[in-house]
C-alpha atoms as a PDB file:
ATOM      1  CA  UNK A   1       0.114   0.096   0.210  1.00  0.00           C
ATOM      2  CA  UNK A   2       1.427   3.235  -0.847  1.00  0.00           C
ATOM      3  CA  UNK A   3       2.247   6.137   1.801  1.00  0.00           C
ATOM      4  CA  UNK A   4      -0.180   8.463   2.413  1.00  0.00           C
ATOM      5  CA  UNK A   5       0.601  11.853   1.038  1.00  0.00           C
ATOM      6  CA  UNK A   6       1.381  14.349   3.895  1.00  0.00           C
ATOM      7  CA  UNK A   7       2.140  18.230   2.600  1.00  0.00           C
ATOM      8  CA  UNK A   8       4.322  19.763   4.534  1.00  0.00           C
ATOM      9  CA  UNK A   9       3.629  20.442   7.964  1.00  0.00           C
ATOM     10  CA  UNK A  10       3.326  23.786   9.729  1.00  0.00           C
ATOM     11  CA  UNK A  11       5.706  24.813  12.199  1.00  0.00           C
ATOM     12  CA  UNK A  12       4.788  23.942  16.180  1.00  0.00           C
ATOM     13  CA  UNK A  13       3.412  27.353  17.996  1.00  0.00           C
ATOM     14  CA  UNK A  14       6.023  28.713  20.128  1.00  0.00           C
ATOM     15  CA  UNK A  15       7.110  32.167  22.260  1.00  0.00           C
ATOM     16  CA  UNK A  16      11.046  31.702  21.200  1.00  0.00           C
ATOM     17  CA  UNK A  17      11.732  34.074  17.944  1.00  0.00           C
ATOM     18  CA  UNK A  18      13.030  32.486  14.909  1.00  0.00           C
ATOM     19  CA  UNK A  19      16.160  33.287  13.520  1.00  0.00           C
ATOM     20  CA  UNK A  20      15.526  35.851  11.015  1.00  0.00           C
ATOM     21  CA  UNK A  21      18.148  36.486   8.081  1.00  0.00           C
ATOM     22  CA  UNK A  22      19.964  40.347   8.418  1.00  0.00           C
ATOM     23  CA  UNK A  23      18.220  41.026   4.848  1.00  0.00           C
ATOM     24  CA  UNK A  24      14.786  40.087   5.596  1.00  0.00           C
ATOM     25  CA  UNK A  25      15.360  42.333   8.871  1.00  0.00           C
ATOM     26  CA  UNK A  26      16.993  45.374   6.965  1.00  0.00           C
ATOM     27  CA  UNK A  27      13.733  44.788   4.458  1.00  0.00           C
ATOM     28  CA  UNK A  28      11.305  45.199   7.087  1.00  0.00           C
ATOM     29  CA  UNK A  29      12.933  48.515   8.785  1.00  0.00           C
ATOM     30  CA  UNK A  30      13.347  50.014   5.406  1.00  0.00           C
ATOM     31  CA  UNK A  31       9.835  49.780   4.792  1.00  0.00           C
ATOM     32  CA  UNK A  32       8.284  50.602   7.720  1.00  0.00           C
ATOM     33  CA  UNK A  33      11.101  53.858   7.820  1.00  0.00           C
ATOM     34  CA  UNK A  34      10.032  54.608   4.598  1.00  0.00           C
ATOM     35  CA  UNK A  35       6.215  54.538   5.105  1.00  0.00           C
ATOM     36  CA  UNK A  36       7.039  56.706   8.200  1.00  0.00           C
ATOM     37  CA  UNK A  37       8.993  59.405   6.872  1.00  0.00           C
ATOM     38  CA  UNK A  38       6.226  59.858   4.309  1.00  0.00           C
ATOM     39  CA  UNK A  39       3.474  59.414   7.240  1.00  0.00           C
ATOM     40  CA  UNK A  40       1.733  56.919   4.606  1.00  0.00           C
ATOM     41  CA  UNK A  41      -1.285  55.255   7.198  1.00  0.00           C
ATOM     42  CA  UNK A  42      -0.565  51.879   7.510  1.00  0.00           C
ATOM     43  CA  UNK A  43      -0.808  48.922  10.300  1.00  0.00           C
ATOM     44  CA  UNK A  44       1.047  45.891  10.829  1.00  0.00           C
ATOM     45  CA  UNK A  45      -0.894  42.782  10.951  1.00  0.00           C
ATOM     46  CA  UNK A  46       0.482  39.112  10.309  1.00  0.00           C
ATOM     47  CA  UNK A  47       2.878  37.402  12.812  1.00  0.00           C
ATOM     48  CA  UNK A  48       3.699  40.659  14.292  1.00  0.00           C
ATOM     49  CA  UNK A  49       0.099  41.554  15.281  1.00  0.00           C
ATOM     50  CA  UNK A  50      -0.090  37.783  16.531  1.00  0.00           C
ATOM     51  CA  UNK A  51       3.340  38.030  18.334  1.00  0.00           C
ATOM     52  CA  UNK A  52       1.942  41.282  20.489  1.00  0.00           C
ATOM     53  CA  UNK A  53      -1.865  39.801  21.165  1.00  0.00           C
ATOM     54  CA  UNK A  54      -0.352  36.253  22.177  1.00  0.00           C
ATOM     55  CA  UNK A  55       3.023  35.995  22.613  1.00  0.00           C
ATOM     56  CA  UNK A  56       3.554  33.296  19.437  1.00  0.00           C
ATOM     57  CA  UNK A  57       6.208  33.782  17.472  1.00  0.00           C
ATOM     58  CA  UNK A  58       5.559  32.672  14.049  1.00  0.00           C
ATOM     59  CA  UNK A  59       8.585  32.306  11.209  1.00  0.00           C
ATOM     60  CA  UNK A  60       7.900  34.575   8.288  1.00  0.00           C
ATOM     61  CA  UNK A  61       9.019  35.359   5.062  1.00  0.00           C
ATOM     62  CA  UNK A  62       6.917  38.384   4.418  1.00  0.00           C
ATOM     63  CA  UNK A  63       5.532  41.817   6.651  1.00  0.00           C
ATOM     64  CA  UNK A  64       1.778  42.267   6.172  1.00  0.00           C
ATOM     65  CA  UNK A  65       0.647  45.663   6.277  1.00  0.00           C
ATOM     66  CA  UNK A  66      -2.540  46.876   6.281  1.00  0.00           C
ATOM     67  CA  UNK A  67      -4.049  49.918   4.122  1.00  0.00           C
ATOM     68  CA  UNK A  68      -7.188  51.178   2.878  1.00  0.00           C
ATOM     69  CA  UNK A  69      -7.635  51.211  -1.084  1.00  0.00           C
ATOM     70  CA  UNK A  70      -6.999  54.696  -0.785  1.00  0.00           C
ATOM     71  CA  UNK A  71      -3.747  54.760   0.759  1.00  0.00           C
ATOM     72  CA  UNK A  72      -2.594  51.709  -1.146  1.00  0.00           C
ATOM     73  CA  UNK A  73      -1.247  53.843  -3.983  1.00  0.00           C
ATOM     74  CA  UNK A  74       0.856  56.182  -2.070  1.00  0.00           C
ATOM     75  CA  UNK A  75       2.011  53.120   0.052  1.00  0.00           C
ATOM     76  CA  UNK A  76       3.393  51.447  -3.427  1.00  0.00           C
ATOM     77  CA  UNK A  77       4.903  55.028  -4.333  1.00  0.00           C
ATOM     78  CA  UNK A  78       6.608  55.352  -1.122  1.00  0.00           C
ATOM     79  CA  UNK A  79       8.017  51.760  -1.735  1.00  0.00           C
ATOM     80  CA  UNK A  80       9.105  52.126  -4.890  1.00  0.00           C
ATOM     81  CA  UNK A  81      11.146  55.408  -3.921  1.00  0.00           C
ATOM     82  CA  UNK A  82      12.672  53.211  -1.452  1.00  0.00           C
ATOM     83  CA  UNK A  83      14.383  50.836  -4.070  1.00  0.00           C
ATOM     84  CA  UNK A  84      11.726  47.706  -3.829  1.00  0.00           C
ATOM     85  CA  UNK A  85      10.234  46.032  -7.031  1.00  0.00           C
ATOM     86  CA  UNK A  86       6.194  46.610  -6.924  1.00  0.00           C
ATOM     87  CA  UNK A  87       3.386  44.861  -8.517  1.00  0.00           C
ATOM     88  CA  UNK A  88      -0.277  44.948  -8.051  1.00  0.00           C
ATOM     89  CA  UNK A  89      -1.047  41.460  -7.626  1.00  0.00           C
ATOM     90  CA  UNK A  90      -4.710  40.890  -6.982  1.00  0.00           C
ATOM     91  CA  UNK A  91      -6.169  44.617  -7.104  1.00  0.00           C
ATOM     92  CA  UNK A  92      -9.326  42.840  -5.083  1.00  0.00           C
ATOM     93  CA  UNK A  93      -6.860  42.863  -1.889  1.00  0.00           C
ATOM     94  CA  UNK A  94      -3.568  42.322  -2.544  1.00  0.00           C
ATOM     95  CA  UNK A  95      -0.231  43.984  -3.866  1.00  0.00           C
ATOM     96  CA  UNK A  96       3.602  43.504  -2.921  1.00  0.00           C
ATOM     97  CA  UNK A  97       6.782  45.090  -2.757  1.00  0.00           C
ATOM     98  CA  UNK A  98      10.045  43.233  -2.747  1.00  0.00           C
ATOM     99  CA  UNK A  99      13.617  42.845  -2.166  1.00  0.00           C
ATOM    100  CA  UNK A 100      15.372  39.652  -3.805  1.00  0.00           C
ATOM    101  CA  UNK A 101      13.646  36.961  -2.315  1.00  0.00           C
ATOM    102  CA  UNK A 102      11.857  38.687   0.875  1.00  0.00           C
ATOM    103  CA  UNK A 103       8.582  40.817   0.439  1.00  0.00           C
ATOM    104  CA  UNK A 104       6.043  42.840   2.242  1.00  0.00           C
ATOM    105  CA  UNK A 105       2.379  42.303   1.237  1.00  0.00           C
ATOM    106  CA  UNK A 106       0.448  45.722   1.157  1.00  0.00           C
ATOM    107  CA  UNK A 107      -3.747  43.980   2.066  1.00  0.00           C
ATOM    108  CA  UNK A 108      -6.868  46.231   1.594  1.00  0.00           C
ATOM    109  CA  UNK A 109      -8.731  43.801   2.464  1.00  0.00           C
ATOM    110  CA  UNK A 110     -10.016  40.040   2.127  1.00  0.00           C
ATOM    111  CA  UNK A 111      -9.523  38.218  -1.056  1.00  0.00           C
ATOM    112  CA  UNK A 112     -13.273  37.062  -1.084  1.00  0.00           C
ATOM    113  CA  UNK A 113     -14.054  41.198  -1.103  1.00  0.00           C
ATOM    114  CA  UNK A 114     -16.336  41.137   1.842  1.00  0.00           C
ATOM    115  CA  UNK A 115     -14.309  42.698   4.771  1.00  0.00           C
ATOM    116  CA  UNK A 116     -12.668  45.664   3.702  1.00  0.00           C
ATOM    117  CA  UNK A 117      -9.466  47.684   5.498  1.00  0.00           C
ATOM    118  CA  UNK A 118     -11.126  51.054   6.481  1.00  0.00           C
ATOM    119  CA  UNK A 119      -9.811  54.211   8.091  1.00  0.00           C
ATOM    120  CA  UNK A 120     -10.805  52.984  11.745  1.00  0.00           C
ATOM    121  CA  UNK A 121      -8.818  50.073  11.322  1.00  0.00           C
ATOM    122  CA  UNK A 122      -5.463  52.225  11.104  1.00  0.00           C
ATOM    123  CA  UNK A 123      -6.897  54.905  13.699  1.00  0.00           C
ATOM    124  CA  UNK A 124      -7.556  51.774  16.032  1.00  0.00           C
ATOM    125  CA  UNK A 125      -3.942  50.031  16.050  1.00  0.00           C
ATOM    126  CA  UNK A 126      -1.632  49.674  18.817  1.00  0.00           C
ATOM    127  CA  UNK A 127       1.888  50.686  19.639  1.00  0.00           C
ATOM    128  CA  UNK A 128       4.471  48.341  18.885  1.00  0.00           C
ATOM    129  CA  UNK A 129       8.272  48.640  18.076  1.00  0.00           C
ATOM    130  CA  UNK A 130       9.603  46.043  15.286  1.00  0.00           C
ATOM    131  CA  UNK A 131      13.323  45.504  14.609  1.00  0.00           C
ATOM    132  CA  UNK A 132      13.843  49.144  16.068  1.00  0.00           C
ATOM    133  CA  UNK A 133      11.010  50.716  14.759  1.00  0.00           C
ATOM    134  CA  UNK A 134       8.401  52.373  16.560  1.00  0.00           C
ATOM    135  CA  UNK A 135       5.473  51.482  14.683  1.00  0.00           C
ATOM    136  CA  UNK A 136       1.678  49.853  15.235  1.00  0.00           C
ATOM    137  CA  UNK A 137      -0.033  46.855  14.601  1.00  0.00           C
ATOM    138  CA  UNK A 138      -3.272  45.751  14.110  1.00  0.00           C
ATOM    139  CA  UNK A 139      -5.828  45.368  17.352  1.00  0.00           C
ATOM    140  CA  UNK A 140      -7.307  42.346  18.311  1.00  0.00           C
ATOM    141  CA  UNK A 141     -10.568  42.812  16.933  1.00  0.00           C
ATOM    142  CA  UNK A 142      -9.368  43.704  13.443  1.00  0.00           C
ATOM    143  CA  UNK A 143      -6.753  40.893  13.543  1.00  0.00           C
ATOM    144  CA  UNK A 144      -9.759  38.369  14.411  1.00  0.00           C
ATOM    145  CA  UNK A 145     -11.885  39.936  11.702  1.00  0.00           C
ATOM    146  CA  UNK A 146      -9.428  39.501   9.274  1.00  0.00           C
ATOM    147  CA  UNK A 147      -8.984  35.753   9.837  1.00  0.00           C
ATOM    148  CA  UNK A 148     -12.426  34.432   9.924  1.00  0.00           C
ATOM    149  CA  UNK A 149     -12.267  33.594   6.413  1.00  0.00           C
ATOM    150  CA  UNK A 150      -9.433  32.234   6.405  1.00  0.00           C
ATOM    151  CA  UNK A 151     -10.835  28.641   6.499  1.00  0.00           C
ATOM    152  CA  UNK A 152      -8.738  26.902   3.560  1.00  0.00           C
ATOM    153  CA  UNK A 153      -7.793  23.494   3.384  1.00  0.00           C
ATOM    154  CA  UNK A 154      -4.252  24.730   2.836  1.00  0.00           C
ATOM    155  CA  UNK A 155      -4.576  27.256   5.470  1.00  0.00           C
ATOM    156  CA  UNK A 156      -6.817  27.332   9.046  1.00  0.00           C
ATOM    157  CA  UNK A 157      -6.489  30.356  11.296  1.00  0.00           C
ATOM    158  CA  UNK A 158      -9.211  29.385  14.160  1.00  0.00           C
ATOM    159  CA  UNK A 159      -6.190  28.155  16.050  1.00  0.00           C
ATOM    160  CA  UNK A 160      -5.016  32.336  15.584  1.00  0.00           C
ATOM    161  CA  UNK A 161      -8.610  33.391  16.475  1.00  0.00           C
ATOM    162  CA  UNK A 162      -8.429  31.544  19.856  1.00  0.00           C
ATOM    163  CA  UNK A 163      -5.113  31.948  20.561  1.00  0.00           C
ATOM    164  CA  UNK A 164      -6.081  36.377  20.032  1.00  0.00           C
ATOM    165  CA  UNK A 165      -9.382  35.638  22.482  1.00  0.00           C
ATOM    166  CA  UNK A 166      -7.510  33.808  25.046  1.00  0.00           C
ATOM    167  CA  UNK A 167      -4.271  36.163  25.161  1.00  0.00           C
ATOM    168  CA  UNK A 168      -6.051  39.589  25.517  1.00  0.00           C
ATOM    169  CA  UNK A 169      -7.972  37.589  28.415  1.00  0.00           C
ATOM    170  CA  UNK A 170     -11.160  39.724  28.067  1.00  0.00           C
ATOM    171  CA  UNK A 171      -9.683  42.893  27.340  1.00  0.00           C
ATOM    172  CA  UNK A 172     -11.763  42.568  23.676  1.00  0.00           C
ATOM    173  CA  UNK A 173     -14.012  45.273  22.666  1.00  0.00           C
ATOM    174  CA  UNK A 174     -16.814  42.552  21.246  1.00  0.00           C
ATOM    175  CA  UNK A 175     -19.368  45.265  20.082  1.00  0.00           C
ATOM    176  CA  UNK A 176     -16.682  46.540  17.601  1.00  0.00           C
ATOM    177  CA  UNK A 177     -16.341  42.297  16.688  1.00  0.00           C
ATOM    178  CA  UNK A 178     -19.733  42.380  15.651  1.00  0.00           C
ATOM    179  CA  UNK A 179     -20.107  45.499  13.867  1.00  0.00           C
ATOM    180  CA  UNK A 180     -17.101  44.190  11.885  1.00  0.00           C
ATOM    181  CA  UNK A 181     -18.417  40.996  10.795  1.00  0.00           C
ATOM    182  CA  UNK A 182     -21.579  41.923  10.474  1.00  0.00           C
ATOM    183  CA  UNK A 183     -23.928  39.835   8.437  1.00  0.00           C
ATOM    184  CA  UNK A 184     -21.120  37.054   8.405  1.00  0.00           C
ATOM    185  CA  UNK A 185     -21.486  36.207  12.232  1.00  0.00           C
ATOM    186  CA  UNK A 186     -21.990  32.635  11.678  1.00  0.00           C
ATOM    187  CA  UNK A 187     -18.482  32.328  10.691  1.00  0.00           C
ATOM    188  CA  UNK A 188     -17.528  34.422  13.867  1.00  0.00           C
ATOM    189  CA  UNK A 189     -19.741  31.694  15.941  1.00  0.00           C
ATOM    190  CA  UNK A 190     -17.935  28.832  14.453  1.00  0.00           C
ATOM    191  CA  UNK A 191     -14.690  30.456  15.338  1.00  0.00           C
ATOM    192  CA  UNK A 192     -15.774  30.825  18.965  1.00  0.00           C
ATOM    193  CA  UNK A 193     -17.174  27.555  19.496  1.00  0.00           C
ATOM    194  CA  UNK A 194     -13.802  26.486  18.594  1.00  0.00           C
ATOM    195  CA  UNK A 195     -12.337  28.601  21.497  1.00  0.00           C
ATOM    196  CA  UNK A 196     -15.048  27.109  23.693  1.00  0.00           C
ATOM    197  CA  UNK A 197     -14.022  23.191  23.363  1.00  0.00           C
ATOM    198  CA  UNK A 198      -9.943  24.413  23.099  1.00  0.00           C
ATOM    199  CA  UNK A 199     -10.176  26.890  26.748  1.00  0.00           C
ATOM    200  CA  UNK A 200     -13.634  25.623  28.237  1.00  0.00           C
ATOM    201  CA  UNK A 201     -12.378  27.235  31.405  1.00  0.00           C
ATOM    202  CA  UNK A 202     -12.278  30.309  29.915  1.00  0.00           C
ATOM    203  CA  UNK A 203     -15.505  30.827  28.515  1.00  0.00           C
ATOM    204  CA  UNK A 204     -16.179  33.885  30.004  1.00  0.00           C
ATOM    205  CA  UNK A 205     -13.728  36.223  27.885  1.00  0.00           C
ATOM    206  CA  UNK A 206     -16.612  36.053  25.394  1.00  0.00           C
ATOM    207  CA  UNK A 207     -19.247  37.850  27.644  1.00  0.00           C
ATOM    208  CA  UNK A 208     -22.768  36.156  28.062  1.00  0.00           C
ATOM    209  CA  UNK A 209     -24.904  38.524  25.833  1.00  0.00           C
ATOM    210  CA  UNK A 210     -22.320  37.896  23.136  1.00  0.00           C
ATOM    211  CA  UNK A 211     -22.726  33.880  22.962  1.00  0.00           C
ATOM    212  CA  UNK A 212     -26.796  34.848  23.811  1.00  0.00           C
ATOM    213  CA  UNK A 213     -27.053  37.354  21.158  1.00  0.00           C
ATOM    214  CA  UNK A 214     -25.069  34.678  18.726  1.00  0.00           C
ATOM    215  CA  UNK A 215     -26.665  31.635  19.982  1.00  0.00           C
ATOM    216  CA  UNK A 216     -30.305  33.286  20.070  1.00  0.00           C
ATOM    217  CA  UNK A 217     -29.674  34.243  15.968  1.00  0.00           C
ATOM    218  CA  UNK A 218     -28.682  30.673  15.484  1.00  0.00           C
ATOM    219  CA  UNK A 219     -31.403  29.431  16.879  1.00  0.00           C
ATOM    220  CA  UNK A 220     -33.659  32.107  14.757  1.00  0.00           C
ATOM    221  CA  UNK A 221     -32.573  30.791  12.123  1.00  0.00           C
ATOM    222  CA  UNK A 222     -32.511  27.397  12.052  1.00  0.00           C
ATOM    223  CA  UNK A 223     -36.464  27.501  13.399  1.00  0.00           C
ATOM    224  CA  UNK A 224     -36.826  29.566  10.397  1.00  0.00           C
ATOM    225  CA  UNK A 225     -35.339  27.806   7.545  1.00  0.00           C
ATOM    226  CA  UNK A 226     -35.351  29.719   4.041  1.00  0.00           C
ATOM    227  CA  UNK A 227     -35.360  27.613   0.860  1.00  0.00           C
ATOM    228  CA  UNK A 228     -34.355  30.699  -0.878  1.00  0.00           C
ATOM    229  CA  UNK A 229     -30.992  31.184   1.206  1.00  0.00           C
ATOM    230  CA  UNK A 230     -28.126  31.489  -1.645  1.00  0.00           C
ATOM    231  CA  UNK A 231     -25.061  28.739  -1.106  1.00  0.00           C
ATOM    232  CA  UNK A 232     -22.237  30.552   0.199  1.00  0.00           C
ATOM    233  CA  UNK A 233     -19.294  28.070   0.150  1.00  0.00           C
ATOM    234  CA  UNK A 234     -17.293  29.930  -2.147  1.00  0.00           C
ATOM    235  CA  UNK A 235     -16.956  32.522   0.113  1.00  0.00           C
ATOM    236  CA  UNK A 236     -15.162  30.340   2.403  1.00  0.00           C
ATOM    237  CA  UNK A 237     -13.283  28.427  -0.134  1.00  0.00           C
ATOM    238  CA  UNK A 238     -13.674  28.490  -3.645  1.00  0.00           C
ATOM    239  CA  UNK A 239     -11.451  25.359  -4.488  1.00  0.00           C
ATOM    240  CA  UNK A 240     -12.937  22.960  -2.305  1.00  0.00           C
ATOM    241  CA  UNK A 241     -16.641  23.921  -3.054  1.00  0.00           C
ATOM    242  CA  UNK A 242     -15.789  24.117  -6.971  1.00  0.00           C
ATOM    243  CA  UNK A 243     -17.696  21.527  -7.770  1.00  0.00           C
ATOM    244  CA  UNK A 244     -20.815  23.544  -6.034  1.00  0.00           C
ATOM    245  CA  UNK A 245     -20.298  26.479  -8.875  1.00  0.00           C
ATOM    246  CA  UNK A 246     -18.874  24.887 -11.396  1.00  0.00           C
ATOM    247  CA  UNK A 247     -21.178  21.444 -12.025  1.00  0.00           C
ATOM    248  CA  UNK A 248     -24.077  21.666  -9.287  1.00  0.00           C
ATOM    249  CA  UNK A 249     -24.607  25.259 -10.778  1.00  0.00           C
ATOM    250  CA  UNK A 250     -24.826  26.550  -7.391  1.00  0.00           C
ATOM    251  CA  UNK A 251     -24.163  30.541  -7.319  1.00  0.00           C
ATOM    252  CA  UNK A 252     -21.019  31.532  -7.272  1.00  0.00           C
ATOM    253  CA  UNK A 253     -21.386  34.626  -4.275  1.00  0.00           C
ATOM    254  CA  UNK A 254     -17.283  35.051  -4.187  1.00  0.00           C
ATOM    255  CA  UNK A 255     -17.331  36.066  -7.963  1.00  0.00           C
ATOM    256  CA  UNK A 256     -20.127  38.219  -7.214  1.00  0.00           C
ATOM    257  CA  UNK A 257     -18.352  40.172  -3.937  1.00  0.00           C
ATOM    258  CA  UNK A 258     -15.543  40.576  -5.855  1.00  0.00           C
ATOM    259  CA  UNK A 259     -16.861  41.917  -9.158  1.00  0.00           C
ATOM    260  CA  UNK A 260     -18.486  44.605  -6.400  1.00  0.00           C
ATOM    261  CA  UNK A 261     -15.408  45.188  -4.827  1.00  0.00           C
ATOM    262  CA  UNK A 262     -13.412  45.830  -8.092  1.00  0.00           C
ATOM    263  CA  UNK A 263     -15.697  48.343  -8.977  1.00  0.00           C
ATOM    264  CA  UNK A 264     -15.594  50.237  -5.300  1.00  0.00           C
ATOM    265  CA  UNK A 265     -11.399  49.847  -5.956  1.00  0.00           C
ATOM    266  CA  UNK A 266     -11.681  51.479  -9.107  1.00  0.00           C
ATOM    267  CA  UNK A 267     -13.714  54.221  -8.043  1.00  0.00           C
ATOM    268  CA  UNK A 268     -11.340  55.205  -5.795  1.00  0.00           C
ATOM    269  CA  UNK A 269      -7.822  54.787  -6.885  1.00  0.00           C
ATOM    270  CA  UNK A 270      -8.162  55.402 -10.533  1.00  0.00           C
ATOM    271  CA  UNK A 271      -5.275  53.360 -12.614  1.00  0.00           C
ATOM    272  CA  UNK A 272      -3.662  56.503 -13.932  1.00  0.00           C
ATOM    273  CA  UNK A 273      -2.088  57.039 -10.644  1.00  0.00           C
ATOM    274  CA  UNK A 274      -0.092  53.584 -10.213  1.00  0.00           C
ATOM    275  CA  UNK A 275       3.363  54.513  -9.846  1.00  0.00           C
ATOM    276  CA  UNK A 276       6.144  54.498 -12.165  1.00  0.00           C
ATOM    277  CA  UNK A 277       6.420  51.670 -14.478  1.00  0.00           C
ATOM    278  CA  UNK A 278       4.998  48.930 -12.422  1.00  0.00           C
ATOM    279  CA  UNK A 279       1.820  48.109 -14.231  1.00  0.00           C
ATOM    280  CA  UNK A 280      -0.953  46.240 -12.950  1.00  0.00           C
ATOM    281  CA  UNK A 281      -0.543  42.583 -14.203  1.00  0.00           C
ATOM    282  CA  UNK A 282      -3.167  39.958 -14.480  1.00  0.00           C
ATOM    283  CA  UNK A 283      -3.274  36.777 -12.419  1.00  0.00           C
ATOM    284  CA  UNK A 284      -5.211  33.459 -12.370  1.00  0.00           C
END
């Protein structure tokens, strides 16, 4: 019998900092310094925000920066002036700036187009120092919101969400979180059920009124089923639910959401303002 296929295993969680190549550290410093000098509004997310709120150190080759779509042009222009190669990877949510094998992600929202970085995300960010640069990281509420749709086969951020809730130990603005997730509250409830299972002794970190609100909503939905409700699987993972769209002819809400977001981005960031000669490239 052939051996089962195993993809590369993710590293174990740890509070021990990973060894980081000096070239990578210098890139991150240069990027943060450049944005600070030009006063481009941004906040740091990813591994650095997770470490601030949980104490978990994660090896990373990139630096995740959250910017609004309106400020992404200025951010990319700033980094291009600093000597980095820039590209618009996906106009819905992602651009990159790189030097050698290391890169920086500039993120304006989630890839499915549903959750979008707003000015308030930057304004609510927390002070931090990263490799000697005074900067700020994403607040825990926005960090959780940015992760609720990361539930794909190859990457699932449910453990990160559980760690953020555990790490903040009740110091968390749940009303803000509810506002951020909005109509996608079921994705938050899913994450909270996982948190409750993992940390049963810390259920009070999620206030009882939040539990009751979400569970009452869920009960109402179950008691009053809507046969006309649209299939939403592609919003979670368009690959794993591809058969639903491509063969079973269920609606592709992700494609519709991305299309709406593209119109919004086009209105707020005209392509003629793209910095230098780096033009947006088509991606698969």
